[in-house]
Protein backbone atom coordinates (compact mmCIF):
# COMPACT_ATOMS: atom_id res chain seq x y z
CA MET A 1 48.11 36.87 156.13
CA GLN A 2 50.48 39.79 155.51
CA LEU A 3 48.86 43.21 155.71
CA LYS A 4 49.18 45.39 152.64
CA VAL A 5 49.41 49.15 152.47
CA SER A 6 46.08 50.58 151.26
CA HIS A 7 46.01 52.89 148.24
CA ARG A 8 42.24 52.57 148.02
CA GLU A 9 41.56 56.09 149.27
CA LYS A 10 43.55 57.74 146.48
CA THR A 11 41.89 55.53 143.87
CA LYS A 12 38.45 56.24 145.33
CA ARG A 13 38.97 60.01 145.15
CA MET A 14 40.17 59.78 141.55
CA VAL A 15 37.09 57.75 140.59
CA GLN A 16 34.76 60.17 142.40
CA LEU A 17 36.31 63.14 140.63
CA ALA A 18 36.12 61.38 137.24
CA VAL A 19 32.42 60.60 137.76
CA LEU A 20 31.69 64.21 138.72
CA LEU A 21 33.59 65.48 135.68
CA ALA A 22 31.57 63.20 133.41
CA LEU A 23 28.35 64.34 135.09
CA GLU A 24 29.31 68.00 134.62
CA ILE A 25 29.93 67.42 130.90
CA ILE A 26 26.54 65.71 130.50
CA ILE A 27 24.81 68.56 132.30
CA ALA A 28 26.61 71.18 130.20
CA PHE A 29 25.89 69.74 126.76
CA THR A 30 22.59 67.84 127.03
CA PRO A 31 18.98 68.69 127.98
CA LEU A 32 19.52 66.62 131.14
CA GLY A 33 21.17 69.69 132.66
CA THR A 34 17.80 71.36 133.34
CA ILE A 35 14.81 70.36 135.45
CA GLN A 36 11.67 71.93 133.95
CA VAL A 37 8.50 72.23 136.05
CA GLY A 38 5.94 74.27 134.12
CA THR A 39 7.49 77.67 133.50
CA ILE A 40 10.07 77.15 136.25
CA ALA A 41 13.50 75.81 135.26
CA ALA A 42 16.33 74.74 137.57
CA THR A 43 19.75 74.25 136.00
CA LEU A 44 22.01 71.59 137.52
CA GLY A 45 25.51 72.74 136.59
CA HIS A 46 26.27 73.72 140.18
CA ILE A 47 25.33 70.30 141.61
CA PRO A 48 28.56 68.38 140.83
CA VAL A 49 30.53 71.32 142.25
CA ILE A 50 28.62 71.23 145.54
CA ILE A 51 28.92 67.44 145.74
CA ALA A 52 32.70 67.65 145.22
CA ALA A 53 32.99 70.29 147.95
CA VAL A 54 30.84 68.34 150.45
CA VAL A 55 32.24 64.87 149.79
CA MET A 56 35.86 65.59 148.84
CA GLY A 57 36.74 69.04 150.16
CA THR A 58 37.12 72.71 149.29
CA ALA A 59 40.00 72.27 146.82
CA GLU A 60 38.16 69.64 144.78
CA GLY A 61 35.03 71.79 144.90
CA ALA A 62 36.96 74.80 143.57
CA PHE A 63 38.43 72.63 140.80
CA MET A 64 34.99 71.40 139.79
CA GLY A 65 33.80 75.01 139.84
CA PHE A 66 36.56 75.88 137.38
CA VAL A 67 35.45 72.98 135.16
CA PHE A 68 31.85 74.24 135.37
CA GLY A 69 33.02 77.67 134.23
CA LEU A 70 35.20 76.22 131.46
CA LEU A 71 32.36 74.11 130.05
CA SER A 72 30.02 77.10 130.23
CA PHE A 73 32.59 79.18 128.34
CA ILE A 74 32.94 76.47 125.66
CA TYR A 75 29.16 76.07 125.30
CA TRP A 76 28.39 79.76 124.88
CA THR A 77 31.41 80.36 122.66
CA PHE A 78 30.95 77.48 120.22
CA VAL A 79 27.43 76.07 120.63
CA GLN A 80 25.26 79.16 121.26
CA PRO A 81 27.44 82.17 120.38
CA ALA A 82 24.57 84.23 118.94
CA ASN A 83 22.37 84.00 122.04
CA PRO A 84 22.12 87.09 124.28
CA THR A 85 22.96 84.91 127.29
CA ALA A 86 26.37 84.28 125.69
CA PHE A 87 27.33 87.86 126.56
CA MET A 88 27.38 86.82 130.23
CA PHE A 89 29.89 84.00 129.76
CA THR A 90 32.18 84.64 126.79
CA PRO A 91 33.83 87.67 125.20
CA PHE A 92 33.81 85.93 121.78
CA CYS A 93 30.16 86.51 120.90
CA GLN A 94 28.54 89.05 118.61
CA LEU A 95 25.02 90.14 117.76
CA GLY A 96 25.07 92.68 114.96
CA GLU A 97 27.36 95.48 116.07
CA ILE A 98 27.33 94.36 119.71
CA ARG A 99 30.44 92.47 120.79
CA GLY A 100 31.25 90.56 123.94
CA SER A 101 33.24 91.95 126.87
CA ALA A 102 36.32 90.64 128.64
CA TRP A 103 34.36 91.04 131.90
CA SER A 104 32.39 87.98 130.78
CA LEU A 105 35.35 85.74 131.67
CA LEU A 106 35.20 86.97 135.26
CA ILE A 107 31.44 86.36 135.38
CA CYS A 108 31.92 82.92 133.85
CA PHE A 109 34.65 81.61 136.16
CA LEU A 110 34.73 83.45 139.50
CA PRO A 111 31.19 82.63 140.76
CA ARG A 112 31.54 78.98 139.71
CA ILE A 113 34.88 78.55 141.50
CA LEU A 114 33.42 80.22 144.58
CA ILE A 115 30.59 77.65 144.64
CA GLY A 116 33.14 75.01 145.63
CA VAL A 117 35.05 77.29 148.00
CA VAL A 118 31.97 78.54 149.86
CA ALA A 119 30.20 75.15 149.98
CA GLY A 120 33.34 73.37 151.19
CA GLU A 121 34.16 75.91 153.89
CA VAL A 122 30.55 76.17 155.11
CA CYS A 123 30.35 72.38 155.38
CA LYS A 124 33.59 72.20 157.40
CA LEU A 125 32.62 75.12 159.64
CA VAL A 126 29.19 73.75 160.52
CA LYS A 127 30.58 70.27 161.18
CA ARG A 128 33.27 71.73 163.42
CA LYS A 129 31.05 74.15 165.36
CA ILE A 130 27.74 72.26 165.52
CA GLY A 131 28.61 68.67 164.63
CA LYS A 132 25.41 68.00 162.64
CA ASP A 133 26.21 66.36 159.30
CA GLY A 134 22.80 66.88 157.70
CA LEU A 135 22.75 70.56 158.63
CA ALA A 136 26.30 70.96 157.30
CA TYR A 137 25.40 69.40 153.94
CA GLY A 138 22.18 71.38 153.62
CA LEU A 139 23.75 74.74 154.44
CA ALA A 140 26.67 73.98 152.12
CA GLY A 141 24.23 73.24 149.29
CA ALA A 142 22.26 76.42 149.99
CA ALA A 143 25.37 78.59 150.22
CA GLY A 144 26.90 77.14 147.05
CA SER A 145 23.68 77.59 145.10
CA ALA A 146 23.12 81.13 146.36
CA VAL A 147 26.65 82.31 145.66
CA THR A 148 26.50 81.45 141.95
CA THR A 149 23.04 82.95 141.43
CA ILE A 150 23.82 86.18 143.28
CA LEU A 151 27.28 86.68 141.82
CA VAL A 152 26.46 85.80 138.20
CA LEU A 153 23.41 88.07 138.13
CA GLY A 154 24.96 90.78 140.27
CA MET A 155 28.18 90.92 138.24
CA THR A 156 26.17 90.94 135.01
CA TYR A 157 24.23 93.97 136.24
CA LEU A 158 27.32 95.83 137.47
CA LEU A 159 29.89 94.95 134.78
CA ILE A 160 28.02 94.44 131.49
CA GLY A 161 24.46 95.53 132.27
CA ARG A 162 23.96 98.00 129.43
CA GLN A 163 25.71 95.78 126.92
CA TYR A 164 23.55 92.81 127.94
CA VAL A 165 20.33 94.81 127.59
CA ALA A 166 21.48 95.99 124.14
CA ALA A 167 22.07 92.36 123.15
CA VAL A 168 18.65 91.24 124.44
CA PHE A 169 16.88 93.97 122.46
CA SER A 170 19.15 93.81 119.41
CA GLY A 171 17.00 94.80 116.46
CA GLY A 172 14.18 96.01 118.71
CA ALA A 173 13.36 98.89 121.02
CA ALA A 174 14.98 98.75 124.46
CA PRO A 175 12.97 100.01 127.46
CA GLU A 176 13.40 103.66 128.37
CA ASN A 177 14.99 102.77 131.72
CA ALA A 178 17.06 99.79 130.59
CA MET A 179 18.87 99.19 133.89
CA ALA A 180 15.62 99.19 135.86
CA TRP A 181 14.26 96.63 133.38
CA LEU A 182 17.38 94.50 133.88
CA LEU A 183 17.01 94.70 137.66
CA ALA A 184 13.40 93.52 137.38
CA ALA A 185 14.48 90.71 135.04
CA ILE A 186 17.14 89.62 137.55
CA GLY A 187 14.51 89.48 140.30
CA THR A 188 12.31 87.32 138.10
CA VAL A 189 15.20 84.94 137.35
CA ILE A 190 15.96 84.60 141.06
CA LEU A 191 12.36 83.63 141.76
CA THR A 192 11.89 81.28 138.81
CA ASN A 193 15.39 79.80 138.57
CA GLY A 194 17.47 80.77 141.59
CA ILE A 195 15.14 79.50 144.31
CA PRO A 196 14.49 76.12 142.62
CA GLU A 197 18.22 75.72 142.03
CA LEU A 198 18.87 76.44 145.72
CA VAL A 199 16.29 73.82 146.75
CA VAL A 200 17.81 71.25 144.40
CA GLY A 201 21.29 72.09 145.71
CA VAL A 202 20.21 71.56 149.33
CA LEU A 203 18.45 68.25 148.62
CA MET A 204 21.29 66.87 146.50
CA ALA A 205 23.95 67.92 149.02
CA ILE A 206 22.12 66.22 151.88
CA GLY A 207 21.32 63.07 149.92
CA VAL A 208 24.73 62.56 148.36
CA GLY A 209 26.56 63.70 151.50
CA TYR A 210 24.84 61.05 153.62
CA ALA A 211 25.37 58.45 150.90
CA LEU A 212 29.07 59.04 150.21
CA VAL A 213 30.71 60.60 153.27
CA PRO A 214 31.88 57.74 155.54
CA ARG A 215 30.25 57.61 158.97
CA THR A 216 31.31 54.14 160.06
CA ARG A 217 33.60 53.81 163.07
CA VAL A 218 37.24 53.19 162.21
CA LEU A 219 40.03 52.61 164.73
CA GLY A 220 43.39 54.17 163.85
CA ILE A 221 46.47 52.76 165.60
CA ASP A 222 49.90 54.39 165.47
CA ILE A 223 52.51 51.91 166.74
CA GLY A 224 55.66 53.89 167.53
CA SER A 225 59.04 52.77 168.80
CA SER A 226 57.99 52.91 172.46
CA MET A 227 54.30 53.87 172.63
CA THR A 228 51.08 53.04 170.81
CA LYS A 229 48.46 55.73 170.15
CA VAL A 230 44.84 54.87 169.32
CA ALA A 231 42.05 57.07 167.90
CA LEU A 232 38.44 56.13 167.19
CA LEU A 233 36.80 58.13 164.38
CA ARG A 234 33.28 58.15 163.03
CA GLY A 235 33.70 59.69 159.62
CA GLU A 236 35.77 62.81 160.40
CA LYS A 237 34.59 63.08 164.00
CA ILE A 238 37.14 62.09 166.65
CA GLU A 239 35.24 60.16 169.34
CA TRP A 240 38.17 59.39 171.68
CA THR A 241 41.92 58.88 171.85
CA GLU A 242 44.06 56.61 174.03
CA ARG A 243 47.67 55.51 174.36
CA PHE A 244 49.70 52.87 176.17
CA GLU A 245 53.22 51.50 176.36
CA ASN A 246 54.32 48.98 173.74
CA THR A 247 55.14 46.52 176.51
CA GLU A 248 51.38 45.83 176.83
CA ASP A 249 49.74 43.20 174.65
CA LEU A 250 48.04 45.05 171.77
CA GLU A 251 45.01 42.81 171.27
CA LYS A 252 44.39 42.49 175.00
CA LYS A 253 44.55 46.27 175.37
CA LEU A 254 42.19 46.78 172.43
CA ASN A 255 39.67 44.41 173.97
CA ASP A 256 39.73 46.59 177.11
CA LEU A 257 38.97 49.77 175.16
CA PRO A 258 35.42 50.99 174.28
CA VAL A 259 35.80 50.27 170.57
CA GLY A 260 32.05 49.75 170.04
CA LYS A 261 30.93 48.80 166.54
CA VAL A 262 34.25 49.26 164.76
CA LYS A 263 34.09 48.24 161.09
CA LYS A 264 37.81 48.43 160.39
CA ILE A 265 41.19 48.90 162.04
CA CYS A 266 43.95 50.86 160.28
CA VAL A 267 47.48 50.50 161.63
CA THR A 268 50.49 52.68 160.89
CA GLY A 269 53.88 53.58 162.36
CA VAL A 270 57.15 51.68 162.56
CA GLY A 271 55.56 48.84 164.53
CA ALA A 272 52.79 48.25 162.00
CA SER A 273 55.11 46.06 159.93
CA PHE A 274 54.97 43.43 162.70
CA ILE A 275 51.17 43.12 162.52
CA ASN A 276 50.02 40.09 160.56
CA GLY A 277 46.37 39.38 159.92
CA ASN A 278 43.35 40.97 161.55
CA LEU A 279 43.26 42.38 165.08
CA CYS A 280 40.47 41.27 167.42
CA GLY A 281 38.71 39.64 164.46
CA ILE A 282 38.16 43.05 162.81
CA PRO A 283 39.34 43.69 159.21
CA THR A 284 42.75 45.33 159.53
CA GLU A 285 44.91 47.12 156.97
CA ARG A 286 48.15 49.06 157.03
CA VAL A 287 48.31 52.76 156.11
CA GLU A 288 51.50 54.47 154.96
CA GLU A 289 52.76 56.53 157.91
CA PHE A 290 53.50 59.87 156.24
CA ARG A 291 50.15 59.86 154.47
CA ALA A 292 48.40 59.17 157.79
CA LEU A 293 50.39 61.96 159.44
CA GLY A 294 49.49 64.50 156.75
CA ARG A 295 45.81 63.61 156.65
CA GLY A 296 45.49 63.71 160.43
CA ALA A 297 47.16 67.13 160.58
CA ALA A 298 44.92 68.49 157.81
CA LEU A 299 41.80 67.35 159.68
CA VAL A 300 42.83 68.73 163.07
CA ALA A 301 44.28 71.99 161.70
CA HIS A 302 41.32 72.49 159.34
CA LYS A 303 43.83 73.29 156.57
CA ARG A 304 44.93 71.55 153.39
CA ASN A 305 48.02 73.64 152.66
CA LEU A 306 50.75 73.30 155.31
CA ILE A 307 53.98 71.71 156.48
CA VAL A 308 53.62 69.01 159.13
CA CYS A 309 56.48 68.62 161.60
CA SER A 310 56.25 65.37 163.57
CA VAL A 311 58.60 65.27 166.56
CA GLY A 312 59.17 61.73 167.77
CA THR A 313 62.47 59.99 168.42
CA GLY A 314 63.61 61.98 165.39
CA THR A 315 61.66 64.50 163.33
CA ALA A 316 59.81 64.04 160.04
CA PHE A 317 58.63 66.82 157.72
CA VAL A 318 55.60 66.22 155.52
CA ARG A 319 54.01 68.50 152.93
CA VAL A 320 50.22 68.65 152.75
CA THR A 321 48.64 70.19 149.65
CA PRO A 322 44.96 70.35 148.67
CA PHE A 323 45.56 67.31 146.45
CA THR A 324 48.29 65.16 147.97
CA VAL A 325 50.55 64.38 150.93
CA PHE A 326 54.26 63.59 150.61
CA HIS A 327 57.38 63.27 152.76
CA ILE A 328 59.92 66.06 152.21
CA GLY A 329 62.65 65.05 154.66
CA GLY A 330 63.61 64.52 158.26
CA SER A 331 66.20 65.01 160.98
CA GLY A 332 67.72 62.97 163.79
CA VAL A 333 67.04 65.87 166.16
CA GLY A 334 64.06 65.05 168.39
CA GLY A 335 62.93 63.25 171.50
CA GLY A 336 65.70 60.66 171.23
CA MET A 337 68.32 63.39 171.46
CA LEU A 338 66.61 64.90 174.53
CA LYS A 339 66.46 61.47 176.19
CA GLY A 340 70.08 60.54 175.47
CA LEU A 341 71.59 63.85 176.53
CA SER A 342 69.40 64.01 179.66
CA GLU A 343 70.59 60.57 180.74
CA LYS A 344 74.20 61.61 180.18
CA LEU A 345 73.92 65.01 181.85
CA PHE A 346 71.48 64.27 184.68
CA GLY A 347 71.84 60.50 185.09
CA THR A 348 68.15 59.86 184.36
CA TYR A 349 65.37 60.62 181.93
CA ASP A 350 61.83 61.23 183.02
CA ALA A 351 60.08 63.51 180.52
CA GLN A 352 57.98 65.34 183.09
CA HIS A 353 60.89 65.72 185.51
CA ILE A 354 63.20 67.14 182.83
CA ALA A 355 60.46 69.54 181.73
CA GLU A 356 59.97 70.78 185.31
CA LEU A 357 63.73 71.13 185.70
CA ALA A 358 63.94 73.14 182.47
CA LYS A 359 61.14 75.51 183.52
CA ALA A 360 63.23 76.57 186.51
CA GLY A 361 66.30 77.36 184.38
CA SER A 362 67.32 80.54 182.56
CA LEU A 363 68.45 80.50 178.93
CA ASN A 364 70.72 83.48 179.56
CA GLU A 365 72.77 81.20 181.81
CA VAL A 366 73.41 78.58 179.11
CA ASP A 367 72.95 80.20 175.66
CA LEU A 368 74.97 82.98 174.08
CA THR A 369 72.58 85.77 173.08
CA LEU A 370 72.95 88.82 170.87
CA ALA A 371 73.29 91.00 174.00
CA ASP A 372 76.42 89.01 174.94
CA VAL A 373 78.27 89.85 171.74
CA CYS A 374 77.11 93.34 170.71
CA LYS A 375 75.13 96.43 171.71
CA GLY A 376 71.71 97.11 170.27
CA THR A 377 69.96 95.01 167.64
CA ILE A 378 70.82 93.71 164.18
CA SER A 379 68.17 93.56 161.46
CA ASN A 380 65.18 91.72 162.98
CA LEU A 381 67.25 90.17 165.80
CA ASN A 382 66.65 91.41 169.34
CA GLU A 383 68.91 91.26 172.39
CA GLU A 384 67.42 87.94 173.54
CA THR A 385 67.96 86.18 170.19
CA THR A 386 70.11 83.06 170.56
CA VAL A 387 73.49 83.39 168.83
CA ALA A 388 74.97 80.07 170.00
CA ASN A 389 73.08 77.26 171.75
CA LEU A 390 74.67 75.81 174.91
CA ALA A 391 77.73 78.05 174.53
CA LYS A 392 77.85 78.57 178.34
CA ALA A 393 77.05 74.95 179.22
CA GLY A 394 80.34 74.49 181.07
CA THR A 395 79.24 76.78 183.90
CA ALA A 396 75.46 76.43 183.70
CA SER A 397 73.23 74.89 186.36
CA ASP A 398 71.27 71.70 185.70
CA GLU A 399 68.08 73.73 185.37
CA ALA A 400 69.65 76.00 182.75
CA LEU A 401 71.12 72.98 180.91
CA ALA A 402 67.71 71.31 180.75
CA HIS A 403 66.15 74.51 179.40
CA GLY A 404 69.01 74.82 176.93
CA LEU A 405 68.43 71.25 175.69
CA TYR A 406 64.77 71.96 174.97
CA ASN A 407 65.72 75.21 173.29
CA VAL A 408 68.39 73.79 170.98
CA ILE A 409 66.17 70.88 169.93
CA PHE A 410 63.09 72.93 169.15
CA GLN A 411 64.92 75.90 167.67
CA SER A 412 66.71 73.50 165.33
CA ILE A 413 63.48 71.75 164.41
CA GLY A 414 61.68 75.08 164.05
CA VAL A 415 64.31 76.58 161.75
CA MET A 416 64.33 73.47 159.53
CA ALA A 417 60.54 73.60 159.37
CA ALA A 418 60.59 77.33 158.57
CA PHE A 419 63.04 76.75 155.71
CA ALA A 420 60.81 73.97 154.38
CA ALA A 421 57.76 76.24 154.61
CA LYS A 422 59.53 79.01 152.68
CA HIS A 423 60.66 76.55 150.03
CA HIS A 424 57.08 75.36 149.55
CA PHE A 425 55.55 78.86 149.79
CA VAL A 426 53.38 78.19 152.85
CA LYS A 427 53.08 79.98 156.18
CA THR A 428 51.50 77.35 158.44
CA ILE A 429 53.55 74.65 160.17
CA PHE A 430 51.60 72.06 162.16
CA VAL A 431 53.74 70.55 164.92
CA CYS A 432 52.82 67.27 166.59
CA GLY A 433 54.31 64.63 168.86
CA THR A 434 54.08 63.39 172.45
CA ILE A 435 57.06 65.53 173.50
CA LEU A 436 54.93 68.67 173.07
CA GLU A 437 52.75 67.78 176.04
CA HIS A 438 55.35 68.69 178.66
CA GLY A 439 54.81 72.37 179.32
CA ASN A 440 55.29 75.40 177.08
CA LEU A 441 59.04 75.09 176.52
CA ALA A 442 58.67 73.82 172.97
CA LYS A 443 56.14 76.55 172.15
CA GLU A 444 58.43 79.27 173.51
CA ALA A 445 61.32 78.13 171.30
CA LEU A 446 59.07 77.80 168.25
CA ASP A 447 57.51 81.23 168.87
CA GLU A 448 60.97 82.80 168.70
CA VAL A 449 61.62 81.05 165.37
CA ALA A 450 58.19 82.14 164.10
CA ALA A 451 58.93 85.78 164.86
CA LEU A 452 62.25 85.64 163.01
CA HIS A 453 61.02 83.73 159.95
CA HIS A 454 57.44 85.05 159.68
CA VAL A 455 55.78 81.65 159.82
CA LYS A 456 53.02 80.31 162.07
CA PHE A 457 53.46 77.21 164.25
CA VAL A 458 50.24 75.42 165.22
CA ILE A 459 50.22 72.99 168.15
CA SER A 460 47.04 71.03 168.89
CA GLU A 461 45.92 69.41 172.11
CA LYS A 462 45.71 66.23 169.99
CA ALA A 463 49.41 66.57 169.08
CA ALA A 464 50.28 63.04 170.25
CA TYR A 465 47.51 61.36 168.24
CA ILE A 466 47.74 62.99 164.81
CA THR A 467 49.10 59.94 162.96
CA ALA A 468 46.55 57.60 164.57
CA ILE A 469 43.77 60.03 163.62
CA GLY A 470 45.04 60.18 160.04
CA ALA A 471 45.20 56.40 159.80
CA ALA A 472 41.51 56.13 160.69
CA LEU A 473 40.40 58.65 158.03
CA GLN A 474 38.68 57.01 155.08
């Protein structure tokens, strides 16, 4: 049986978002949008937003928050335009001589968008710091519910308070201290509506979070040209990582690993095309490599807006956005170049040995710097800035040559990544690959590029396993 590349995840997310959109519309335009218990009413418009943030992520939560605001704007503009509440959510309402305010658009949209942002970020933070899923969902639901109640009522008081009171008492006598009356009314709404809505938000977030967020164990396998990396994930939690040479039998090696109750194996990388059928009797599917790379980087970096730079035999550049992952290009500069030139120059290639050799060498002995060609500085270039890589190689020691090789490879990769980041208007570049594990030479070269181009390079201790981690994400 030939493995097929899975597009199920993208389809699943589209279906989830479509269901939440439909639910938001039903809540906005039917009586089903309110839970009434005696005199206490809890509106449910914030629930699909919180669910999107908890299950799908901050970006999807913010989008659903925008939809919540848009539907609220439509409802109070066209369905109930003569209701005093309409003054909170649309500028196109009028009661007698009292007209709506443009501030209403801010009240309508900003708190609703922030539901998704706050709920999504709280959920991620609690999962990362504490690791308790139920607590993460509950706090996300509470935070999302609280932010809309506090901001909508608070912004109403601060931005259109007097106008709102005038609308409420249109045709009647307003209280002598109108703003004090409004403050008391806001307190009453918080007790009768805000607290029940917060409780509903917490319960729904916990229930739906446990129901929809995957927690089964999935094994991600990245089969490279010379090495295989393995990562076991339970939901978004990385339980362990392992790697071994491709000369070892894959199934035999997997049987020796503590895979536990793995429900599925996801394979990726150049060697995945040689895998036919299931591994170790476990359902196995192939995941597109660049998608796995981007998703793994987003999980480990805790960001959904970045450039991923994967340094292997060559180098691949992948763009991660809040909504998609796509390949933007690559280069032949990478570990293969370091290996080939090391064998030619030093007669051997052992990654750790070359790294130790390079640490003992001085770049000033092998590279031409700004100090070699002029006095002082130019623009944002300092005296130590490289002007020409390996320009002094003819007289350099082996240690300096090794350091120069690392420098030219990672400066080249760093500059290409910086240009890609500028083109895509992002600042963060996530760098991964096994080659990064050998000392700080790569980081030193990338830090110099970062200073010149005003970008940020992020290197994780899981740098070698990012693609395997991404493959296992469901």
